[in-house]
């Protein structure tokens, strides 16, 4: 007698309540296709969801063009949703990849935006 069983994972996604008509810019590809979604990943046995991998679904911004997912706590325009609708305490949200920072304390250009260091070959 031979039994064949399949095991795997399945991710359930749905739009986050209150953001159904909201479209954001993707931080990866730059397209205006980001949607605020709830994602919940489950272990499946014979295509039946059995065990969730987490106790609560994740709240993320997803892009269907490049398949990039980012947690809403890293998006400053959605910081109020990360706390369940409460205002954020203690400063601003963390910028992605250092973009959107204030620059050096003395003013001037941010580090890394100047002439190349001496001794580095310049190809023209």
PDB file of N, CA and C in Angstrom:
ATOM      1  N   UNK A   1       0.845  -1.164   0.000  1.00  0.00           N
ATOM      2  CA  UNK A   1       0.000   0.000   0.000  1.00  0.00           C
ATOM      3  C   UNK A   1       0.897   1.236   0.000  1.00  0.00           C
ATOM      4  N   UNK A   2       0.553   2.203  -0.803  1.00  0.00           N
ATOM      5  CA  UNK A   2       1.359   3.405  -0.962  1.00  0.00           C
ATOM      6  C   UNK A   2       0.499   4.626  -0.619  1.00  0.00           C
ATOM      7  N   UNK A   3       1.026   5.483   0.248  1.00  0.00           N
ATOM      8  CA  UNK A   3       0.352   6.730   0.606  1.00  0.00           C
ATOM      9  C   UNK A   3       1.223   7.889   0.157  1.00  0.00           C
ATOM     10  N   UNK A   4       0.600   8.863  -0.436  1.00  0.00           N
ATOM     11  CA  UNK A   4       1.320  10.030  -0.933  1.00  0.00           C
ATOM     12  C   UNK A   4       0.770  11.259  -0.206  1.00  0.00           C
ATOM     13  N   UNK A   5       1.642  11.964   0.528  1.00  0.00           N
ATOM     14  CA  UNK A   5       1.248  13.154   1.275  1.00  0.00           C
ATOM     15  C   UNK A   5       2.052  14.339   0.772  1.00  0.00           C
ATOM     16  N   UNK A   6       1.427  15.491   0.749  1.00  0.00           N
ATOM     17  CA  UNK A   6       2.133  16.713   0.375  1.00  0.00           C
ATOM     18  C   UNK A   6       2.131  17.673   1.552  1.00  0.00           C
ATOM     19  N   UNK A   7       3.282  18.265   1.782  1.00  0.00           N
ATOM     20  CA  UNK A   7       3.440  19.264   2.833  1.00  0.00           C
ATOM     21  C   UNK A   7       4.020  20.521   2.202  1.00  0.00           C
ATOM     22  N   UNK A   8       3.708  21.662   2.772  1.00  0.00           N
ATOM     23  CA  UNK A   8       4.238  22.907   2.234  1.00  0.00           C
ATOM     24  C   UNK A   8       3.784  24.092   3.056  1.00  0.00           C
ATOM     25  N   UNK A   9       3.818  25.260   2.426  1.00  0.00           N
ATOM     26  CA  UNK A   9       3.379  26.486   3.073  1.00  0.00           C
ATOM     27  C   UNK A   9       2.430  27.219   2.135  1.00  0.00           C
ATOM     28  N   UNK A  10       1.595  28.032   2.732  1.00  0.00           N
ATOM     29  CA  UNK A  10       0.712  28.899   1.960  1.00  0.00           C
ATOM     30  C   UNK A  10       0.611  30.233   2.689  1.00  0.00           C
ATOM     31  N   UNK A  11       0.681  31.306   1.941  1.00  0.00           N
ATOM     32  CA  UNK A  11       0.586  32.641   2.513  1.00  0.00           C
ATOM     33  C   UNK A  11      -0.765  33.239   2.134  1.00  0.00           C
ATOM     34  N   UNK A  12      -1.547  33.564   3.145  1.00  0.00           N
ATOM     35  CA  UNK A  12      -2.826  34.219   2.936  1.00  0.00           C
ATOM     36  C   UNK A  12      -2.602  35.724   2.996  1.00  0.00           C
ATOM     37  N   UNK A  13      -3.087  36.444   1.998  1.00  0.00           N
ATOM     38  CA  UNK A  13      -2.939  37.901   1.966  1.00  0.00           C
ATOM     39  C   UNK A  13      -4.310  38.547   1.819  1.00  0.00           C
ATOM     40  N   UNK A  14      -4.464  39.702   2.454  1.00  0.00           N
ATOM     41  CA  UNK A  14      -5.678  40.503   2.297  1.00  0.00           C
ATOM     42  C   UNK A  14      -5.311  41.960   2.556  1.00  0.00           C
ATOM     43  N   UNK A  15      -6.111  42.865   2.009  1.00  0.00           N
ATOM     44  CA  UNK A  15      -5.875  44.293   2.220  1.00  0.00           C
ATOM     45  C   UNK A  15      -6.125  44.638   3.676  1.00  0.00           C
ATOM     46  N   UNK A  16      -5.291  45.510   4.222  1.00  0.00           N
ATOM     47  CA  UNK A  16      -5.445  45.959   5.607  1.00  0.00           C
ATOM     48  C   UNK A  16      -6.657  46.875   5.690  1.00  0.00           C
ATOM     49  N   UNK A  17      -7.473  46.687   6.707  1.00  0.00           N
ATOM     50  CA  UNK A  17      -8.693  47.477   6.863  1.00  0.00           C
ATOM     51  C   UNK A  17      -8.359  48.958   6.991  1.00  0.00           C
ATOM     52  N   UNK A  18      -9.060  49.777   6.237  1.00  0.00           N
ATOM     53  CA  UNK A  18      -8.836  51.218   6.250  1.00  0.00           C
ATOM     54  C   UNK A  18      -7.863  51.699   5.196  1.00  0.00           C
ATOM     55  N   UNK A  19      -7.192  50.787   4.508  1.00  0.00           N
ATOM     56  CA  UNK A  19      -6.229  51.179   3.475  1.00  0.00           C
ATOM     57  C   UNK A  19      -6.568  50.554   2.127  1.00  0.00           C
ATOM     58  N   UNK A  20      -7.831  50.248   1.902  1.00  0.00           N
ATOM     59  CA  UNK A  20      -8.225  49.574   0.665  1.00  0.00           C
ATOM     60  C   UNK A  20      -7.943  50.412  -0.582  1.00  0.00           C
ATOM     61  N   UNK A  21      -8.069  51.739  -0.482  1.00  0.00           N
ATOM     62  CA  UNK A  21      -7.877  52.614  -1.639  1.00  0.00           C
ATOM     63  C   UNK A  21      -6.518  53.294  -1.640  1.00  0.00           C
ATOM     64  N   UNK A  22      -5.600  52.853  -0.804  1.00  0.00           N
ATOM     65  CA  UNK A  22      -4.294  53.479  -0.673  1.00  0.00           C
ATOM     66  C   UNK A  22      -3.269  52.753  -1.554  1.00  0.00           C
ATOM     67  N   UNK A  23      -2.565  53.514  -2.401  1.00  0.00           N
ATOM     68  CA  UNK A  23      -1.495  52.983  -3.233  1.00  0.00           C
ATOM     69  C   UNK A  23      -0.235  53.780  -2.947  1.00  0.00           C
ATOM     70  N   UNK A  24       0.870  53.083  -2.648  1.00  0.00           N
ATOM     71  CA  UNK A  24       2.114  53.726  -2.257  1.00  0.00           C
ATOM     72  C   UNK A  24       3.221  53.428  -3.253  1.00  0.00           C
ATOM     73  N   UNK A  25       4.288  54.199  -3.163  1.00  0.00           N
ATOM     74  CA  UNK A  25       5.451  53.964  -4.010  1.00  0.00           C
ATOM     75  C   UNK A  25       6.296  52.847  -3.413  1.00  0.00           C
ATOM     76  N   UNK A  26       6.721  51.914  -4.248  1.00  0.00           N
ATOM     77  CA  UNK A  26       7.573  50.814  -3.811  1.00  0.00           C
ATOM     78  C   UNK A  26       8.971  51.351  -3.541  1.00  0.00           C
ATOM     79  N   UNK A  27       9.568  50.976  -2.397  1.00  0.00           N
ATOM     80  CA  UNK A  27      10.905  51.444  -2.040  1.00  0.00           C
ATOM     81  C   UNK A  27      11.982  50.696  -2.817  1.00  0.00           C
ATOM     82  N   UNK A  28      11.630  49.611  -3.490  1.00  0.00           N
ATOM     83  CA  UNK A  28      12.613  48.826  -4.223  1.00  0.00           C
ATOM     84  C   UNK A  28      12.685  49.227  -5.696  1.00  0.00           C
ATOM     85  N   UNK A  29      11.554  49.224  -6.394  1.00  0.00           N
ATOM     86  CA  UNK A  29      11.563  49.499  -7.838  1.00  0.00           C
ATOM     87  C   UNK A  29      11.092  50.903  -8.193  1.00  0.00           C
ATOM     88  N   UNK A  30      10.437  51.615  -7.274  1.00  0.00           N
ATOM     89  CA  UNK A  30      10.006  52.985  -7.524  1.00  0.00           C
ATOM     90  C   UNK A  30       8.646  53.106  -8.185  1.00  0.00           C
ATOM     91  N   UNK A  31       7.989  51.985  -8.524  1.00  0.00           N
ATOM     92  CA  UNK A  31       6.657  52.048  -9.126  1.00  0.00           C
ATOM     93  C   UNK A  31       5.619  52.396  -8.065  1.00  0.00           C
ATOM     94  N   UNK A  32       4.546  53.039  -8.478  1.00  0.00           N
ATOM     95  CA  UNK A  32       3.452  53.374  -7.566  1.00  0.00           C
ATOM     96  C   UNK A  32       2.452  52.225  -7.526  1.00  0.00           C
ATOM     97  N   UNK A  33       2.906  51.059  -7.072  1.00  0.00           N
ATOM     98  CA  UNK A  33       2.076  49.864  -7.040  1.00  0.00           C
ATOM     99  C   UNK A  33       2.041  49.218  -5.662  1.00  0.00           C
ATOM    100  N   UNK A  34       2.563  49.875  -4.637  1.00  0.00           N
ATOM    101  CA  UNK A  34       2.597  49.291  -3.298  1.00  0.00           C
ATOM    102  C   UNK A  34       1.232  49.325  -2.639  1.00  0.00           C
ATOM    103  N   UNK A  35       0.852  48.201  -2.055  1.00  0.00           N
ATOM    104  CA  UNK A  35      -0.422  48.103  -1.343  1.00  0.00           C
ATOM    105  C   UNK A  35      -0.151  47.632   0.075  1.00  0.00           C
ATOM    106  N   UNK A  36      -0.940  48.130   1.015  1.00  0.00           N
ATOM    107  CA  UNK A  36      -0.799  47.737   2.415  1.00  0.00           C
ATOM    108  C   UNK A  36      -1.608  46.464   2.618  1.00  0.00           C
ATOM    109  N   UNK A  37      -0.907  45.389   3.008  1.00  0.00           N
ATOM    110  CA  UNK A  37      -1.531  44.072   3.091  1.00  0.00           C
ATOM    111  C   UNK A  37      -1.265  43.425   4.447  1.00  0.00           C
ATOM    112  N   UNK A  38      -2.155  42.520   4.820  1.00  0.00           N
ATOM    113  CA  UNK A  38      -1.920  41.603   5.933  1.00  0.00           C
ATOM    114  C   UNK A  38      -1.491  40.276   5.320  1.00  0.00           C
ATOM    115  N   UNK A  39      -0.359  39.734   5.816  1.00  0.00           N
ATOM    116  CA  UNK A  39       0.123  38.446   5.310  1.00  0.00           C
ATOM    117  C   UNK A  39       0.255  37.477   6.473  1.00  0.00           C
ATOM    118  N   UNK A  40      -0.243  36.267   6.270  1.00  0.00           N
ATOM    119  CA  UNK A  40      -0.202  35.252   7.302  1.00  0.00           C
ATOM    120  C   UNK A  40       0.220  33.944   6.656  1.00  0.00           C
ATOM    121  N   UNK A  41       1.380  33.422   7.067  1.00  0.00           N
ATOM    122  CA  UNK A  41       1.920  32.208   6.469  1.00  0.00           C
ATOM    123  C   UNK A  41       1.569  30.997   7.336  1.00  0.00           C
ATOM    124  N   UNK A  42       1.105  29.920   6.687  1.00  0.00           N
ATOM    125  CA  UNK A  42       0.674  28.709   7.363  1.00  0.00           C
ATOM    126  C   UNK A  42       1.395  27.502   6.797  1.00  0.00           C
ATOM    127  N   UNK A  43       1.616  26.502   7.648  1.00  0.00           N
ATOM    128  CA  UNK A  43       2.100  25.191   7.218  1.00  0.00           C
ATOM    129  C   UNK A  43       0.894  24.399   6.732  1.00  0.00           C
ATOM    130  N   UNK A  44       1.017  23.753   5.568  1.00  0.00           N
ATOM    131  CA  UNK A  44      -0.102  22.995   5.008  1.00  0.00           C
ATOM    132  C   UNK A  44       0.244  21.515   4.929  1.00  0.00           C
ATOM    133  N   UNK A  45      -0.758  20.693   5.155  1.00  0.00           N
ATOM    134  CA  UNK A  45      -0.640  19.248   5.008  1.00  0.00           C
ATOM    135  C   UNK A  45      -1.751  18.808   4.075  1.00  0.00           C
ATOM    136  N   UNK A  46      -1.391  18.254   2.941  1.00  0.00           N
ATOM    137  CA  UNK A  46      -2.351  17.871   1.892  1.00  0.00           C
ATOM    138  C   UNK A  46      -3.227  19.060   1.503  1.00  0.00           C
ATOM    139  N   UNK A  47      -2.593  20.214   1.332  1.00  0.00           N
ATOM    140  CA  UNK A  47      -3.221  21.465   0.895  1.00  0.00           C
ATOM    141  C   UNK A  47      -4.217  22.035   1.905  1.00  0.00           C
ATOM    142  N   UNK A  48      -4.161  21.588   3.147  1.00  0.00           N
ATOM    143  CA  UNK A  48      -5.029  22.097   4.204  1.00  0.00           C
ATOM    144  C   UNK A  48      -4.169  22.868   5.198  1.00  0.00           C
ATOM    145  N   UNK A  49      -4.464  24.157   5.456  1.00  0.00           N
ATOM    146  CA  UNK A  49      -3.687  24.907   6.439  1.00  0.00           C
ATOM    147  C   UNK A  49      -3.849  24.301   7.828  1.00  0.00           C
ATOM    148  N   UNK A  50      -2.714  23.976   8.473  1.00  0.00           N
ATOM    149  CA  UNK A  50      -2.757  23.289   9.752  1.00  0.00           C
ATOM    150  C   UNK A  50      -2.205  24.152  10.879  1.00  0.00           C
ATOM    151  N   UNK A  51      -0.976  24.675  10.698  1.00  0.00           N
ATOM    152  CA  UNK A  51      -0.282  25.382  11.774  1.00  0.00           C
ATOM    153  C   UNK A  51       0.188  26.745  11.256  1.00  0.00           C
ATOM    154  N   UNK A  52      -0.168  27.842  11.932  1.00  0.00           N
ATOM    155  CA  UNK A  52       0.372  29.149  11.510  1.00  0.00           C
ATOM    156  C   UNK A  52       1.816  29.304  11.979  1.00  0.00           C
ATOM    157  N   UNK A  53       2.625  30.001  11.185  1.00  0.00           N
ATOM    158  CA  UNK A  53       4.014  30.253  11.554  1.00  0.00           C
ATOM    159  C   UNK A  53       4.149  31.384  12.570  1.00  0.00           C
ATOM    160  N   UNK A  54       3.112  32.198  12.734  1.00  0.00           N
ATOM    161  CA  UNK A  54       3.126  33.273  13.724  1.00  0.00           C
ATOM    162  C   UNK A  54       1.729  33.381  14.332  1.00  0.00           C
ATOM    163  N   UNK A  55       1.661  34.042  15.473  1.00  0.00           N
ATOM    164  CA  UNK A  55       0.371  34.178  16.146  1.00  0.00           C
ATOM    165  C   UNK A  55      -0.494  35.273  15.536  1.00  0.00           C
ATOM    166  N   UNK A  56       0.141  36.275  14.925  1.00  0.00           N
ATOM    167  CA  UNK A  56      -0.586  37.381  14.309  1.00  0.00           C
ATOM    168  C   UNK A  56      -0.106  37.552  12.872  1.00  0.00           C
ATOM    169  N   UNK A  57      -0.966  38.025  11.987  1.00  0.00           N
ATOM    170  CA  UNK A  57      -0.500  38.304  10.622  1.00  0.00           C
ATOM    171  C   UNK A  57       0.430  39.509  10.594  1.00  0.00           C
ATOM    172  N   UNK A  58       1.332  39.531   9.614  1.00  0.00           N
ATOM    173  CA  UNK A  58       2.250  40.657   9.441  1.00  0.00           C
ATOM    174  C   UNK A  58       1.556  41.740   8.622  1.00  0.00           C
ATOM    175  N   UNK A  59       1.848  42.999   8.964  1.00  0.00           N
ATOM    176  CA  UNK A  59       1.322  44.140   8.220  1.00  0.00           C
ATOM    177  C   UNK A  59       2.470  44.686   7.382  1.00  0.00           C
ATOM    178  N   UNK A  60       2.351  44.596   6.054  1.00  0.00           N
ATOM    179  CA  UNK A  60       3.442  44.955   5.166  1.00  0.00           C
ATOM    180  C   UNK A  60       2.926  45.697   3.945  1.00  0.00           C
ATOM    181  N   UNK A  61       3.850  46.421   3.307  1.00  0.00           N
ATOM    182  CA  UNK A  61       3.581  47.050   2.018  1.00  0.00           C
ATOM    183  C   UNK A  61       4.190  46.142   0.966  1.00  0.00           C
ATOM    184  N   UNK A  62       3.367  45.702   0.026  1.00  0.00           N
ATOM    185  CA  UNK A  62       3.830  44.776  -0.995  1.00  0.00           C
ATOM    186  C   UNK A  62       3.691  45.350  -2.383  1.00  0.00           C
ATOM    187  N   UNK A  63       4.669  45.065  -3.224  1.00  0.00           N
ATOM    188  CA  UNK A  63       4.663  45.490  -4.627  1.00  0.00           C
ATOM    189  C   UNK A  63       4.459  44.250  -5.493  1.00  0.00           C
ATOM    190  N   UNK A  64       3.455  44.260  -6.353  1.00  0.00           N
ATOM    191  CA  UNK A  64       3.223  43.096  -7.203  1.00  0.00           C
ATOM    192  C   UNK A  64       4.095  43.106  -8.449  1.00  0.00           C
ATOM    193  N   UNK A  65       4.818  44.194  -8.709  1.00  0.00           N
ATOM    194  CA  UNK A  65       5.711  44.250  -9.865  1.00  0.00           C
ATOM    195  C   UNK A  65       7.033  43.535  -9.564  1.00  0.00           C
ATOM    196  N   UNK A  66       7.679  43.900  -8.440  1.00  0.00           N
ATOM    197  CA  UNK A  66       8.983  43.310  -8.104  1.00  0.00           C
ATOM    198  C   UNK A  66       8.907  42.318  -6.953  1.00  0.00           C
ATOM    199  N   UNK A  67       7.702  42.100  -6.386  1.00  0.00           N
ATOM    200  CA  UNK A  67       7.473  41.162  -5.283  1.00  0.00           C
ATOM    201  C   UNK A  67       8.310  41.511  -4.059  1.00  0.00           C
ATOM    202  N   UNK A  68       8.419  42.801  -3.751  1.00  0.00           N
ATOM    203  CA  UNK A  68       9.152  43.290  -2.586  1.00  0.00           C
ATOM    204  C   UNK A  68       8.157  43.561  -1.475  1.00  0.00           C
ATOM    205  N   UNK A  69       8.468  43.086  -0.260  1.00  0.00           N
ATOM    206  CA  UNK A  69       7.599  43.287   0.902  1.00  0.00           C
ATOM    207  C   UNK A  69       8.385  44.010   1.973  1.00  0.00           C
ATOM    208  N   UNK A  70       7.767  45.028   2.570  1.00  0.00           N
ATOM    209  CA  UNK A  70       8.417  45.832   3.599  1.00  0.00           C
ATOM    210  C   UNK A  70       7.431  46.051   4.735  1.00  0.00           C
ATOM    211  N   UNK A  71       7.901  45.850   5.968  1.00  0.00           N
ATOM    212  CA  UNK A  71       7.060  46.041   7.150  1.00  0.00           C
ATOM    213  C   UNK A  71       6.644  47.509   7.250  1.00  0.00           C
ATOM    214  N   UNK A  72       5.413  47.757   7.699  1.00  0.00           N
ATOM    215  CA  UNK A  72       4.921  49.136   7.727  1.00  0.00           C
ATOM    216  C   UNK A  72       5.600  49.978   8.792  1.00  0.00           C
ATOM    217  N   UNK A  73       6.309  49.362   9.733  1.00  0.00           N
ATOM    218  CA  UNK A  73       6.992  50.176  10.742  1.00  0.00           C
ATOM    219  C   UNK A  73       8.193  50.913  10.148  1.00  0.00           C
ATOM    220  N   UNK A  74       8.661  50.536   8.960  1.00  0.00           N
ATOM    221  CA  UNK A  74       9.758  51.229   8.294  1.00  0.00           C
ATOM    222  C   UNK A  74       9.268  52.262   7.278  1.00  0.00           C
ATOM    223  N   UNK A  75       7.965  52.456   7.177  1.00  0.00           N
ATOM    224  CA  UNK A  75       7.397  53.445   6.275  1.00  0.00           C
ATOM    225  C   UNK A  75       6.874  54.614   7.099  1.00  0.00           C
ATOM    226  N   UNK A  76       7.493  55.803   7.010  1.00  0.00           N
ATOM    227  CA  UNK A  76       7.069  56.925   7.854  1.00  0.00           C
ATOM    228  C   UNK A  76       5.626  57.364   7.604  1.00  0.00           C
ATOM    229  N   UNK A  77       5.131  57.229   6.384  1.00  0.00           N
ATOM    230  CA  UNK A  77       3.764  57.665   6.113  1.00  0.00           C
ATOM    231  C   UNK A  77       2.731  56.703   6.707  1.00  0.00           C
ATOM    232  N   UNK A  78       3.160  55.507   7.133  1.00  0.00           N
ATOM    233  CA  UNK A  78       2.245  54.531   7.718  1.00  0.00           C
ATOM    234  C   UNK A  78       2.580  54.229   9.175  1.00  0.00           C
ATOM    235  N   UNK A  79       3.314  55.103   9.836  1.00  0.00           N
ATOM    236  CA  UNK A  79       3.738  54.851  11.211  1.00  0.00           C
ATOM    237  C   UNK A  79       2.544  54.742  12.154  1.00  0.00           C
ATOM    238  N   UNK A  80       1.462  55.445  11.866  1.00  0.00           N
ATOM    239  CA  UNK A  80       0.287  55.376  12.729  1.00  0.00           C
ATOM    240  C   UNK A  80      -0.391  54.007  12.663  1.00  0.00           C
ATOM    241  N   UNK A  81      -0.249  53.272  11.555  1.00  0.00           N
ATOM    242  CA  UNK A  81      -0.854  51.947  11.449  1.00  0.00           C
ATOM    243  C   UNK A  81      -0.057  50.892  12.206  1.00  0.00           C
ATOM    244  N   UNK A  82       1.245  51.099  12.375  1.00  0.00           N
ATOM    245  CA  UNK A  82       2.080  50.123  13.073  1.00  0.00           C
ATOM    246  C   UNK A  82       1.730  50.050  14.550  1.00  0.00           C
ATOM    247  N   UNK A  83       1.242  51.139  15.121  1.00  0.00           N
ATOM    248  CA  UNK A  83       0.889  51.177  16.538  1.00  0.00           C
ATOM    249  C   UNK A  83      -0.599  50.968  16.772  1.00  0.00           C
ATOM    250  N   UNK A  84      -1.301  50.506  15.797  1.00  0.00           N
ATOM    251  CA  UNK A  84      -2.737  50.287  15.959  1.00  0.00           C
ATOM    252  C   UNK A  84      -3.544  51.563  15.929  1.00  0.00           C
ATOM    253  N   UNK A  85      -3.082  52.586  15.210  1.00  0.00           N
ATOM    254  CA  UNK A  85      -3.799  53.837  15.097  1.00  0.00           C
ATOM    255  C   UNK A  85      -3.387  54.887  16.097  1.00  0.00           C
ATOM    256  N   UNK A  86      -2.470  54.566  17.004  1.00  0.00           N
ATOM    257  CA  UNK A  86      -2.008  55.535  18.005  1.00  0.00           C
ATOM    258  C   UNK A  86      -0.828  56.320  17.452  1.00  0.00           C
ATOM    259  N   UNK A  87      -0.653  57.580  17.849  1.00  0.00           N
ATOM    260  CA  UNK A  87       0.512  58.331  17.367  1.00  0.00           C
ATOM    261  C   UNK A  87       1.801  57.734  17.915  1.00  0.00           C
ATOM    262  N   UNK A  88       2.856  57.831  17.096  1.00  0.00           N
ATOM    263  CA  UNK A  88       4.145  57.270  17.474  1.00  0.00           C
ATOM    264  C   UNK A  88       4.832  58.154  18.502  1.00  0.00           C
ATOM    265  N   UNK A  89       5.459  57.529  19.488  1.00  0.00           N
ATOM    266  CA  UNK A  89       6.149  58.271  20.536  1.00  0.00           C
ATOM    267  C   UNK A  89       7.653  58.211  20.304  1.00  0.00           C
ATOM    268  N   UNK A  90       8.341  59.305  20.623  1.00  0.00           N
ATOM    269  CA  UNK A  90       9.794  59.292  20.642  1.00  0.00           C
ATOM    270  C   UNK A  90      10.477  59.390  19.299  1.00  0.00           C
ATOM    271  N   UNK A  91      10.090  60.297  18.465  1.00  0.00           N
ATOM    272  CA  UNK A  91      10.850  60.544  17.249  1.00  0.00           C
ATOM    273  C   UNK A  91      10.173  60.024  15.999  1.00  0.00           C
ATOM    274  N   UNK A  92      10.901  60.154  14.906  1.00  0.00           N
ATOM    275  CA  UNK A  92      10.369  59.788  13.601  1.00  0.00           C
ATOM    276  C   UNK A  92      10.704  58.340  13.281  1.00  0.00           C
ATOM    277  N   UNK A  93      10.107  57.843  12.219  1.00  0.00           N
ATOM    278  CA  UNK A  93      10.376  56.479  11.782  1.00  0.00           C
ATOM    279  C   UNK A  93      11.766  56.396  11.155  1.00  0.00           C
ATOM    280  N   UNK A  94      12.323  55.203  11.163  1.00  0.00           N
ATOM    281  CA  UNK A  94      13.657  54.993  10.634  1.00  0.00           C
ATOM    282  C   UNK A  94      13.627  55.017   9.107  1.00  0.00           C
ATOM    283  N   UNK A  95      14.470  55.843   8.443  1.00  0.00           N
ATOM    284  CA  UNK A  95      14.453  55.883   6.991  1.00  0.00           C
ATOM    285  C   UNK A  95      15.068  54.622   6.401  1.00  0.00           C
ATOM    286  N   UNK A  96      14.593  54.234   5.226  1.00  0.00           N
ATOM    287  CA  UNK A  96      15.083  53.047   4.546  1.00  0.00           C
ATOM    288  C   UNK A  96      16.405  53.347   3.858  1.00  0.00           C
ATOM    289  N   UNK A  97      17.428  52.572   4.089  1.00  0.00           N
ATOM    290  CA  UNK A  97      18.747  52.688   3.467  1.00  0.00           C
ATOM    291  C   UNK A  97      19.408  54.040   3.702  1.00  0.00           C
ATOM    292  N   UNK A  98      19.059  54.751   4.740  1.00  0.00           N
ATOM    293  CA  UNK A  98      19.692  56.023   5.055  1.00  0.00           C
ATOM    294  C   UNK A  98      19.161  57.185   4.245  1.00  0.00           C
ATOM    295  N   UNK A  99      18.207  56.959   3.351  1.00  0.00           N
ATOM    296  CA  UNK A  99      17.657  58.051   2.561  1.00  0.00           C
ATOM    297  C   UNK A  99      16.709  58.861   3.421  1.00  0.00           C
ATOM    298  N   UNK A 100      16.661  60.137   3.221  1.00  0.00           N
ATOM    299  CA  UNK A 100      15.751  60.985   3.964  1.00  0.00           C
ATOM    300  C   UNK A 100      16.323  61.461   5.278  1.00  0.00           C
ATOM    301  N   UNK A 101      17.614  61.286   5.496  1.00  0.00           N
ATOM    302  CA  UNK A 101      18.234  61.716   6.737  1.00  0.00           C
ATOM    303  C   UNK A 101      18.455  63.217   6.751  1.00  0.00           C
ATOM    304  N   UNK A 102      18.994  63.723   7.841  1.00  0.00           N
ATOM    305  CA  UNK A 102      19.186  65.148   8.019  1.00  0.00           C
ATOM    306  C   UNK A 102      20.535  65.638   7.503  1.00  0.00           C
ATOM    307  N   UNK A 103      21.472  64.735   7.251  1.00  0.00           N
ATOM    308  CA  UNK A 103      22.785  65.170   6.806  1.00  0.00           C
ATOM    309  C   UNK A 103      23.715  65.348   7.985  1.00  0.00           C
ATOM    310  N   UNK A 104      24.942  65.815   7.749  1.00  0.00           N
ATOM    311  CA  UNK A 104      25.884  65.991   8.848  1.00  0.00           C
ATOM    312  C   UNK A 104      25.482  67.145   9.758  1.00  0.00           C
ATOM    313  N   UNK A 105      25.905  67.115  11.027  1.00  0.00           N
ATOM    314  CA  UNK A 105      25.471  68.154  11.965  1.00  0.00           C
ATOM    315  C   UNK A 105      25.983  69.534  11.625  1.00  0.00           C
ATOM    316  N   UNK A 106      27.119  69.664  10.977  1.00  0.00           N
ATOM    317  CA  UNK A 106      27.672  70.979  10.668  1.00  0.00           C
ATOM    318  C   UNK A 106      27.139  71.576   9.382  1.00  0.00           C
ATOM    319  N   UNK A 107      26.234  70.893   8.710  1.00  0.00           N
ATOM    320  CA  UNK A 107      25.732  71.367   7.426  1.00  0.00           C
ATOM    321  C   UNK A 107      26.611  70.845   6.303  1.00  0.00           C
ATOM    322  N   UNK A 108      26.410  71.358   5.134  1.00  0.00           N
ATOM    323  CA  UNK A 108      27.211  70.922   4.000  1.00  0.00           C
ATOM    324  C   UNK A 108      26.639  69.660   3.385  1.00  0.00           C
ATOM    325  N   UNK A 109      27.453  69.019   2.545  1.00  0.00           N
ATOM    326  CA  UNK A 109      27.009  67.822   1.836  1.00  0.00           C
ATOM    327  C   UNK A 109      27.087  66.602   2.747  1.00  0.00           C
ATOM    328  N   UNK A 110      26.208  65.631   2.524  1.00  0.00           N
ATOM    329  CA  UNK A 110      26.280  64.407   3.308  1.00  0.00           C
ATOM    330  C   UNK A 110      27.567  63.642   2.983  1.00  0.00           C
ATOM    331  N   UNK A 111      28.026  62.786   3.871  1.00  0.00           N
ATOM    332  CA  UNK A 111      29.260  62.057   3.600  1.00  0.00           C
ATOM    333  C   UNK A 111      29.116  61.180   2.364  1.00  0.00           C
ATOM    334  N   UNK A 112      30.196  61.106   1.593  1.00  0.00           N
ATOM    335  CA  UNK A 112      30.198  60.297   0.387  1.00  0.00           C
ATOM    336  C   UNK A 112      29.812  61.066  -0.862  1.00  0.00           C
ATOM    337  N   UNK A 113      29.534  62.365  -0.750  1.00  0.00           N
ATOM    338  CA  UNK A 113      29.144  63.163  -1.900  1.00  0.00           C
ATOM    339  C   UNK A 113      30.168  64.263  -2.138  1.00  0.00           C
ATOM    340  N   UNK A 114      31.341  63.936  -2.374  1.00  0.00           N
ATOM    341  CA  UNK A 114      32.376  64.921  -2.622  1.00  0.00           C
ATOM    342  C   UNK A 114      33.291  64.437  -3.723  1.00  0.00           C
ATOM    343  N   UNK A 115      34.429  65.091  -3.885  1.00  0.00           N
ATOM    344  CA  UNK A 115      35.365  64.612  -4.888  1.00  0.00           C
ATOM    345  C   UNK A 115      35.926  63.256  -4.461  1.00  0.00           C
ATOM    346  N   UNK A 116      36.380  62.443  -5.412  1.00  0.00           N
ATOM    347  CA  UNK A 116      36.925  61.140  -5.056  1.00  0.00           C
ATOM    348  C   UNK A 116      38.202  61.299  -4.244  1.00  0.00           C
ATOM    349  N   UNK A 117      38.508  60.358  -3.383  1.00  0.00           N
ATOM    350  CA  UNK A 117      39.738  60.448  -2.602  1.00  0.00           C
ATOM    351  C   UNK A 117      40.959  60.373  -3.503  1.00  0.00           C
ATOM    352  N   UNK A 118      42.058  60.961  -3.047  1.00  0.00           N
ATOM    353  CA  UNK A 118      43.294  60.973  -3.824  1.00  0.00           C
ATOM    354  C   UNK A 118      43.835  59.551  -3.906  1.00  0.00           C
ATOM    355  N   UNK A 119      44.422  59.243  -5.029  1.00  0.00           N
ATOM    356  CA  UNK A 119      45.037  57.941  -5.206  1.00  0.00           C
ATOM    357  C   UNK A 119      44.099  56.925  -5.835  1.00  0.00           C
ATOM    358  N   UNK A 120      42.837  57.281  -6.037  1.00  0.00           N
ATOM    359  CA  UNK A 120      41.904  56.368  -6.676  1.00  0.00           C
ATOM    360  C   UNK A 120      41.960  56.638  -8.178  1.00  0.00           C
ATOM    361  N   UNK A 121      42.179  55.591  -8.989  1.00  0.00           N
ATOM    362  CA  UNK A 121      42.259  55.821 -10.442  1.00  0.00           C
ATOM    363  C   UNK A 121      40.923  56.293 -10.999  1.00  0.00           C
ATOM    364  N   UNK A 122      40.987  57.270 -11.881  1.00  0.00           N
ATOM    365  CA  UNK A 122      39.799  57.811 -12.540  1.00  0.00           C
ATOM    366  C   UNK A 122      39.782  57.342 -13.992  1.00  0.00           C
ATOM    367  N   UNK A 123      38.781  56.617 -14.377  1.00  0.00           N
ATOM    368  CA  UNK A 123      38.655  56.124 -15.740  1.00  0.00           C
ATOM    369  C   UNK A 123      37.750  57.048 -16.515  1.00  0.00           C
ATOM    370  N   UNK A 124      38.239  57.499 -17.654  1.00  0.00           N
ATOM    371  CA  UNK A 124      37.465  58.426 -18.473  1.00  0.00           C
ATOM    372  C   UNK A 124      37.232  57.866 -19.849  1.00  0.00           C
TER     373      UNK A 124
END
